[in-house]
Amino acid sequence: MYEKAREGLRFSVRLRTATQPDHRDTEHSPYMDALVEGRLSRDEYALLVGQLSFVYDVLEQAADAMRDDEVAGAFDFAGFRRLDALHADLEFFHGPDWREHVRADEATRRYCDRLREVCFDWAGGFVAHHYTRYLGDLSGGQVIARRLKGAYGLDDGEGLRFYQFTGRPKALKDRYRVLLDTAPWDEAERARIIAEVKTAYRLNSELITALGRRLPIDPAA
């Protein structure tokens, strides 16, 4: 009983528990359901890769800006960044002129605007958005990658570099959660971070929903 009580006090546990409903809203959107079930074409999957490239571009600019921050800088693990992998995937799907095929949607621009607003000078805001993206990539992203590999015949990791991390996902997630649990945030700051993670999930959900509206997806399929 004591161990369970202590577990419940950990910020990483509180954060995950408080934002589970927000996470589920994105996870089970019509677009994501169609994606993991193999009902989208490669080009339709590449739409997601393109939109995410804008998000990670801004987030990794923020990581550069926060590099010397005592708290935020610790979360930017070596080998964690995804932008180069996203660019490699876009080149795989579209060829060397991939930039001509990728334009940010309005929902993506709103997402990036929020990143610029809170991630460059607020450590908690940076961590909130960093956590939402990278812990998701290390968790559900690995399941998505396996399904996409089979559905689209993507051999040798081509087109799926976004999901390939240096190191074992579990070890990286454990290390990340230790940082969350030991960061010197008081209760008011922790509440702000939880609220910002909810905002991050909402913005991501809007990005995914916008992609679904561009495609002839039958939610009941």
C-alpha atoms as a PDB file:
ATOM      1  CA  MET A   1       0.000   0.000   0.000  1.00  0.00           C
ATOM      2  CA  TYR A   2       2.850   2.359   0.866  1.00  0.00           C
ATOM      3  CA  GLU A   3       4.478   1.751  -2.519  1.00  0.00           C
ATOM      4  CA  LYS A   4       1.209   2.501  -4.320  1.00  0.00           C
ATOM      5  CA  ALA A   5       0.782   5.726  -2.374  1.00  0.00           C
ATOM      6  CA  ARG A   6       4.332   6.801  -3.151  1.00  0.00           C
ATOM      7  CA  GLU A   7       3.816   5.946  -6.824  1.00  0.00           C
ATOM      8  CA  GLY A   8       0.745   8.175  -6.887  1.00  0.00           C
ATOM      9  CA  LEU A   9       2.782  11.136  -5.641  1.00  0.00           C
ATOM     10  CA  ARG A  10       5.226  10.984  -8.541  1.00  0.00           C
ATOM     11  CA  PHE A  11       4.698  13.851 -10.942  1.00  0.00           C
ATOM     12  CA  SER A  12       5.150  11.635 -13.992  1.00  0.00           C
ATOM     13  CA  VAL A  13       2.248   9.470 -12.775  1.00  0.00           C
ATOM     14  CA  ARG A  14       0.060  12.462 -11.963  1.00  0.00           C
ATOM     15  CA  LEU A  15       0.801  13.971 -15.354  1.00  0.00           C
ATOM     16  CA  ARG A  16      -0.050  10.802 -17.252  1.00  0.00           C
ATOM     17  CA  THR A  17      -3.228  10.219 -15.236  1.00  0.00           C
ATOM     18  CA  ALA A  18      -4.467  13.803 -15.544  1.00  0.00           C
ATOM     19  CA  THR A  19      -4.038  13.855 -19.330  1.00  0.00           C
ATOM     20  CA  GLN A  20      -5.152  10.329 -20.291  1.00  0.00           C
ATOM     21  CA  PRO A  21      -8.553  11.472 -21.651  1.00  0.00           C
ATOM     22  CA  ASP A  22      -6.828  14.107 -23.795  1.00  0.00           C
ATOM     23  CA  HIS A  23      -4.436  11.485 -25.139  1.00  0.00           C
ATOM     24  CA  ARG A  24      -7.250   9.093 -26.032  1.00  0.00           C
ATOM     25  CA  ASP A  25      -9.070  11.772 -28.031  1.00  0.00           C
ATOM     26  CA  THR A  26      -6.135  11.983 -30.443  1.00  0.00           C
ATOM     27  CA  GLU A  27      -5.317   8.289 -30.430  1.00  0.00           C
ATOM     28  CA  HIS A  28      -8.775   7.276 -31.682  1.00  0.00           C
ATOM     29  CA  SER A  29      -9.459   9.963 -34.259  1.00  0.00           C
ATOM     30  CA  PRO A  30     -10.806   8.797 -37.659  1.00  0.00           C
ATOM     31  CA  TYR A  31      -7.486   9.656 -39.344  1.00  0.00           C
ATOM     32  CA  MET A  32      -5.356   7.692 -36.844  1.00  0.00           C
ATOM     33  CA  ASP A  33      -7.751   4.747 -36.887  1.00  0.00           C
ATOM     34  CA  ALA A  34      -7.563   4.625 -40.681  1.00  0.00           C
ATOM     35  CA  LEU A  35      -3.786   4.969 -40.569  1.00  0.00           C
ATOM     36  CA  VAL A  36      -3.052   2.094 -38.204  1.00  0.00           C
ATOM     37  CA  GLU A  37      -5.591  -0.118 -39.988  1.00  0.00           C
ATOM     38  CA  GLY A  38      -3.812   0.419 -43.299  1.00  0.00           C
ATOM     39  CA  ARG A  39      -6.742   2.195 -44.964  1.00  0.00           C
ATOM     40  CA  LEU A  40      -4.665   5.188 -46.071  1.00  0.00           C
ATOM     41  CA  SER A  41      -2.294   5.407 -48.998  1.00  0.00           C
ATOM     42  CA  ARG A  42       1.383   6.208 -48.561  1.00  0.00           C
ATOM     43  CA  ASP A  43       0.735   9.745 -49.762  1.00  0.00           C
ATOM     44  CA  GLU A  44      -2.018  10.145 -47.191  1.00  0.00           C
ATOM     45  CA  TYR A  45       0.332   9.015 -44.430  1.00  0.00           C
ATOM     46  CA  ALA A  46       2.982  11.400 -45.780  1.00  0.00           C
ATOM     47  CA  LEU A  47       0.561  14.270 -45.121  1.00  0.00           C
ATOM     48  CA  LEU A  48       0.994  13.623 -41.394  1.00  0.00           C
ATOM     49  CA  VAL A  49       4.768  13.469 -41.715  1.00  0.00           C
ATOM     50  CA  GLY A  50       4.753  16.826 -43.476  1.00  0.00           C
ATOM     51  CA  GLN A  51       2.652  18.557 -40.816  1.00  0.00           C
ATOM     52  CA  LEU A  52       4.733  17.112 -38.001  1.00  0.00           C
ATOM     53  CA  SER A  53       7.888  18.432 -39.631  1.00  0.00           C
ATOM     54  CA  PHE A  54       6.707  21.994 -38.981  1.00  0.00           C
ATOM     55  CA  VAL A  55       5.907  21.208 -35.344  1.00  0.00           C
ATOM     56  CA  TYR A  56       9.258  19.567 -34.660  1.00  0.00           C
ATOM     57  CA  ASP A  57      11.112  22.335 -36.454  1.00  0.00           C
ATOM     58  CA  VAL A  58       9.796  24.898 -33.957  1.00  0.00           C
ATOM     59  CA  LEU A  59      10.098  22.568 -30.962  1.00  0.00           C
ATOM     60  CA  GLU A  60      13.726  21.799 -31.745  1.00  0.00           C
ATOM     61  CA  GLN A  61      14.475  25.475 -32.253  1.00  0.00           C
ATOM     62  CA  ALA A  62      13.091  25.897 -28.734  1.00  0.00           C
ATOM     63  CA  ALA A  63      15.390  23.094 -27.521  1.00  0.00           C
ATOM     64  CA  ASP A  64      18.339  25.114 -28.866  1.00  0.00           C
ATOM     65  CA  ALA A  65      17.064  28.237 -27.128  1.00  0.00           C
ATOM     66  CA  MET A  66      16.582  26.376 -23.817  1.00  0.00           C
ATOM     67  CA  ARG A  67      19.819  24.387 -23.990  1.00  0.00           C
ATOM     68  CA  ASP A  68      21.422  26.236 -21.079  1.00  0.00           C
ATOM     69  CA  ASP A  69      18.327  26.149 -18.885  1.00  0.00           C
ATOM     70  CA  GLU A  70      19.105  24.013 -15.829  1.00  0.00           C
ATOM     71  CA  VAL A  71      15.793  22.151 -16.005  1.00  0.00           C
ATOM     72  CA  ALA A  72      14.644  22.222 -19.624  1.00  0.00           C
ATOM     73  CA  GLY A  73      18.049  21.474 -21.118  1.00  0.00           C
ATOM     74  CA  ALA A  74      18.224  18.084 -19.411  1.00  0.00           C
ATOM     75  CA  PHE A  75      15.219  16.771 -21.363  1.00  0.00           C
ATOM     76  CA  ASP A  76      16.905  17.202 -24.765  1.00  0.00           C
ATOM     77  CA  PHE A  77      18.572  13.791 -24.838  1.00  0.00           C
ATOM     78  CA  ALA A  78      21.243  12.967 -27.392  1.00  0.00           C
ATOM     79  CA  GLY A  79      19.613  11.173 -30.316  1.00  0.00           C
ATOM     80  CA  PHE A  80      16.132  12.332 -29.321  1.00  0.00           C
ATOM     81  CA  ARG A  81      15.492  14.960 -31.963  1.00  0.00           C
ATOM     82  CA  ARG A  82      13.192  13.984 -34.816  1.00  0.00           C
ATOM     83  CA  LEU A  83      13.454  16.711 -37.460  1.00  0.00           C
ATOM     84  CA  ASP A  84      16.227  15.122 -39.531  1.00  0.00           C
ATOM     85  CA  ALA A  85      14.337  11.815 -39.477  1.00  0.00           C
ATOM     86  CA  LEU A  86      11.132  13.537 -40.611  1.00  0.00           C
ATOM     87  CA  HIS A  87      12.998  15.195 -43.486  1.00  0.00           C
ATOM     88  CA  ALA A  88      14.463  11.814 -44.490  1.00  0.00           C
ATOM     89  CA  ASP A  89      10.973  10.290 -44.483  1.00  0.00           C
ATOM     90  CA  LEU A  90       9.613  13.151 -46.578  1.00  0.00           C
ATOM     91  CA  GLU A  91      12.406  12.661 -49.101  1.00  0.00           C
ATOM     92  CA  PHE A  92      11.549   8.962 -49.236  1.00  0.00           C
ATOM     93  CA  PHE A  93       7.879   9.693 -49.978  1.00  0.00           C
ATOM     94  CA  HIS A  94       8.253  12.751 -52.232  1.00  0.00           C
ATOM     95  CA  GLY A  95      11.817  12.732 -53.530  1.00  0.00           C
ATOM     96  CA  PRO A  96      14.504  15.426 -53.180  1.00  0.00           C
ATOM     97  CA  ASP A  97      12.027  18.201 -53.986  1.00  0.00           C
ATOM     98  CA  TRP A  98       9.819  17.244 -51.030  1.00  0.00           C
ATOM     99  CA  ARG A  99       9.657  20.838 -49.753  1.00  0.00           C
ATOM    100  CA  GLU A 100       7.514  21.730 -52.770  1.00  0.00           C
ATOM    101  CA  HIS A 101       4.906  19.201 -51.619  1.00  0.00           C
ATOM    102  CA  VAL A 102       4.612  20.295 -47.975  1.00  0.00           C
ATOM    103  CA  ARG A 103       2.587  23.251 -46.691  1.00  0.00           C
ATOM    104  CA  ALA A 104       1.501  23.887 -43.110  1.00  0.00           C
ATOM    105  CA  ASP A 105      -2.243  23.642 -42.484  1.00  0.00           C
ATOM    106  CA  GLU A 106      -4.005  26.299 -40.427  1.00  0.00           C
ATOM    107  CA  ALA A 107      -4.201  23.893 -37.462  1.00  0.00           C
ATOM    108  CA  THR A 108      -0.472  23.231 -37.739  1.00  0.00           C
ATOM    109  CA  ARG A 109       0.256  26.950 -37.794  1.00  0.00           C
ATOM    110  CA  ARG A 110      -1.791  27.419 -34.602  1.00  0.00           C
ATOM    111  CA  TYR A 111       0.170  24.603 -32.986  1.00  0.00           C
ATOM    112  CA  CYS A 112       3.477  26.205 -33.975  1.00  0.00           C
ATOM    113  CA  ASP A 113       2.312  29.605 -32.753  1.00  0.00           C
ATOM    114  CA  ARG A 114       1.659  28.132 -29.317  1.00  0.00           C
ATOM    115  CA  LEU A 115       5.091  26.529 -29.274  1.00  0.00           C
ATOM    116  CA  ARG A 116       6.675  29.891 -30.037  1.00  0.00           C
ATOM    117  CA  GLU A 117       4.599  31.493 -27.305  1.00  0.00           C
ATOM    118  CA  VAL A 118       5.515  29.181 -24.417  1.00  0.00           C
ATOM    119  CA  CYS A 119       8.551  27.022 -25.271  1.00  0.00           C
ATOM    120  CA  PHE A 120      11.347  29.535 -25.747  1.00  0.00           C
ATOM    121  CA  ASP A 121      11.419  31.203 -22.330  1.00  0.00           C
ATOM    122  CA  TRP A 122       9.367  28.993 -19.991  1.00  0.00           C
ATOM    123  CA  ALA A 123      11.008  25.732 -18.965  1.00  0.00           C
ATOM    124  CA  GLY A 124       7.707  24.183 -17.884  1.00  0.00           C
ATOM    125  CA  GLY A 125       6.045  25.072 -21.160  1.00  0.00           C
ATOM    126  CA  PHE A 126       8.924  23.603 -23.135  1.00  0.00           C
ATOM    127  CA  VAL A 127       8.816  20.378 -21.125  1.00  0.00           C
ATOM    128  CA  ALA A 128       5.017  20.140 -21.466  1.00  0.00           C
ATOM    129  CA  HIS A 129       5.176  20.154 -25.264  1.00  0.00           C
ATOM    130  CA  HIS A 130       8.394  18.129 -25.408  1.00  0.00           C
ATOM    131  CA  TYR A 131       6.824  15.459 -23.178  1.00  0.00           C
ATOM    132  CA  THR A 132       3.639  15.310 -25.243  1.00  0.00           C
ATOM    133  CA  ARG A 133       5.513  14.731 -28.477  1.00  0.00           C
ATOM    134  CA  TYR A 134       8.541  12.628 -27.558  1.00  0.00           C
ATOM    135  CA  LEU A 135       6.987  10.339 -24.948  1.00  0.00           C
ATOM    136  CA  GLY A 136       4.209   9.669 -27.442  1.00  0.00           C
ATOM    137  CA  ASP A 137       6.771   8.815 -30.109  1.00  0.00           C
ATOM    138  CA  LEU A 138       8.472   6.416 -27.728  1.00  0.00           C
ATOM    139  CA  SER A 139       5.199   4.756 -26.680  1.00  0.00           C
ATOM    140  CA  GLY A 140       2.337   4.604 -29.166  1.00  0.00           C
ATOM    141  CA  GLY A 141       4.644   5.611 -32.001  1.00  0.00           C
ATOM    142  CA  GLN A 142       6.452   2.276 -31.826  1.00  0.00           C
ATOM    143  CA  VAL A 143       3.172   0.402 -32.253  1.00  0.00           C
ATOM    144  CA  ILE A 144       2.200   2.647 -35.169  1.00  0.00           C
ATOM    145  CA  ALA A 145       5.566   2.040 -36.850  1.00  0.00           C
ATOM    146  CA  ARG A 146       5.160  -1.738 -36.737  1.00  0.00           C
ATOM    147  CA  ARG A 147       1.694  -1.538 -38.245  1.00  0.00           C
ATOM    148  CA  LEU A 148       2.751   0.875 -40.956  1.00  0.00           C
ATOM    149  CA  LYS A 149       5.697  -1.288 -41.928  1.00  0.00           C
ATOM    150  CA  GLY A 150       3.369  -4.179 -42.684  1.00  0.00           C
ATOM    151  CA  ALA A 151       0.551  -2.138 -44.180  1.00  0.00           C
ATOM    152  CA  TYR A 152       2.717  -0.176 -46.605  1.00  0.00           C
ATOM    153  CA  GLY A 153       5.573  -2.611 -47.175  1.00  0.00           C
ATOM    154  CA  LEU A 154       8.174  -0.218 -45.768  1.00  0.00           C
ATOM    155  CA  ASP A 155      11.320  -2.329 -45.535  1.00  0.00           C
ATOM    156  CA  ASP A 156      14.560  -1.494 -43.690  1.00  0.00           C
ATOM    157  CA  GLY A 157      12.950   1.413 -41.886  1.00  0.00           C
ATOM    158  CA  GLU A 158      12.645   3.568 -44.998  1.00  0.00           C
ATOM    159  CA  GLY A 159       9.812   6.029 -44.560  1.00  0.00           C
ATOM    160  CA  LEU A 160       9.659   5.283 -40.816  1.00  0.00           C
ATOM    161  CA  ARG A 161      12.845   6.896 -39.550  1.00  0.00           C
ATOM    162  CA  PHE A 162      10.720   9.239 -37.448  1.00  0.00           C
ATOM    163  CA  TYR A 163      10.002   6.343 -35.080  1.00  0.00           C
ATOM    164  CA  GLN A 164      13.605   5.110 -34.800  1.00  0.00           C
ATOM    165  CA  PHE A 165      15.434   6.257 -31.681  1.00  0.00           C
ATOM    166  CA  THR A 166      18.968   5.674 -30.491  1.00  0.00           C
ATOM    167  CA  GLY A 167      18.564   3.475 -27.432  1.00  0.00           C
ATOM    168  CA  ARG A 168      15.802   1.289 -26.038  1.00  0.00           C
ATOM    169  CA  PRO A 169      12.463   3.115 -25.786  1.00  0.00           C
ATOM    170  CA  LYS A 170      11.754   1.817 -22.271  1.00  0.00           C
ATOM    171  CA  ALA A 171      15.109   2.998 -20.946  1.00  0.00           C
ATOM    172  CA  LEU A 172      14.592   6.415 -22.514  1.00  0.00           C
ATOM    173  CA  LYS A 173      11.086   6.697 -21.068  1.00  0.00           C
ATOM    174  CA  ASP A 174      12.306   5.682 -17.602  1.00  0.00           C
ATOM    175  CA  ARG A 175      15.070   8.271 -17.725  1.00  0.00           C
ATOM    176  CA  TYR A 176      12.614  10.912 -18.877  1.00  0.00           C
ATOM    177  CA  ARG A 177      10.187  10.158 -16.043  1.00  0.00           C
ATOM    178  CA  VAL A 178      12.967  10.470 -13.482  1.00  0.00           C
ATOM    179  CA  LEU A 179      13.609  13.991 -14.780  1.00  0.00           C
ATOM    180  CA  LEU A 180       9.915  14.822 -14.477  1.00  0.00           C
ATOM    181  CA  ASP A 181       9.792  13.481 -10.926  1.00  0.00           C
ATOM    182  CA  THR A 182      12.914  15.308  -9.743  1.00  0.00           C
ATOM    183  CA  ALA A 183      12.424  18.679 -11.463  1.00  0.00           C
ATOM    184  CA  PRO A 184      12.226  21.497  -8.847  1.00  0.00           C
ATOM    185  CA  TRP A 185       8.653  22.563  -9.610  1.00  0.00           C
ATOM    186  CA  ASP A 186       6.236  23.585  -6.876  1.00  0.00           C
ATOM    187  CA  GLU A 187       2.572  22.588  -6.947  1.00  0.00           C
ATOM    188  CA  ALA A 188       1.453  25.714  -8.795  1.00  0.00           C
ATOM    189  CA  GLU A 189       4.019  25.124 -11.546  1.00  0.00           C
ATOM    190  CA  ARG A 190       3.099  21.472 -11.835  1.00  0.00           C
ATOM    191  CA  ALA A 191      -0.539  22.462 -12.309  1.00  0.00           C
ATOM    192  CA  ARG A 192       0.491  24.899 -15.063  1.00  0.00           C
ATOM    193  CA  ILE A 193       2.469  22.161 -16.793  1.00  0.00           C
ATOM    194  CA  ILE A 194      -0.437  19.711 -16.644  1.00  0.00           C
ATOM    195  CA  ALA A 195      -2.692  22.388 -18.157  1.00  0.00           C
ATOM    196  CA  GLU A 196      -0.158  23.024 -20.926  1.00  0.00           C
ATOM    197  CA  VAL A 197       0.102  19.315 -21.725  1.00  0.00           C
ATOM    198  CA  LYS A 198      -3.670  19.311 -22.144  1.00  0.00           C
ATOM    199  CA  THR A 199      -3.272  22.250 -24.535  1.00  0.00           C
ATOM    200  CA  ALA A 200      -0.604  20.335 -26.441  1.00  0.00           C
ATOM    201  CA  TYR A 201      -2.892  17.322 -26.834  1.00  0.00           C
ATOM    202  CA  ARG A 202      -5.715  19.577 -28.012  1.00  0.00           C
ATOM    203  CA  LEU A 203      -3.494  21.225 -30.630  1.00  0.00           C
ATOM    204  CA  ASN A 204      -2.260  17.854 -31.820  1.00  0.00           C
ATOM    205  CA  SER A 205      -5.848  16.615 -32.018  1.00  0.00           C
ATOM    206  CA  GLU A 206      -6.784  19.632 -34.140  1.00  0.00           C
ATOM    207  CA  LEU A 207      -3.847  18.903 -36.464  1.00  0.00           C
ATOM    208  CA  ILE A 208      -4.977  15.286 -36.887  1.00  0.00           C
ATOM    209  CA  THR A 209      -8.615  16.307 -37.345  1.00  0.00           C
ATOM    210  CA  ALA A 210      -7.616  18.754 -40.075  1.00  0.00           C
ATOM    211  CA  LEU A 211      -5.842  15.944 -41.922  1.00  0.00           C
ATOM    212  CA  GLY A 212      -8.946  13.785 -41.674  1.00  0.00           C
ATOM    213  CA  ARG A 213     -11.068  16.499 -43.249  1.00  0.00           C
ATOM    214  CA  ARG A 214      -8.784  16.500 -46.283  1.00  0.00           C
ATOM    215  CA  LEU A 215      -9.359  12.804 -46.930  1.00  0.00           C
ATOM    216  CA  PRO A 216     -12.383  10.621 -47.809  1.00  0.00           C
ATOM    217  CA  ILE A 217     -12.291   8.723 -44.517  1.00  0.00           C
ATOM    218  CA  ASP A 218     -15.342   6.771 -43.415  1.00  0.00           C
ATOM    219  CA  PRO A 219     -15.309   6.791 -39.560  1.00  0.00           C
ATOM    220  CA  ALA A 220     -17.523   3.726 -39.522  1.00  0.00           C
ATOM    221  CA  ALA A 221     -15.267   1.667 -41.777  1.00  0.00           C
END
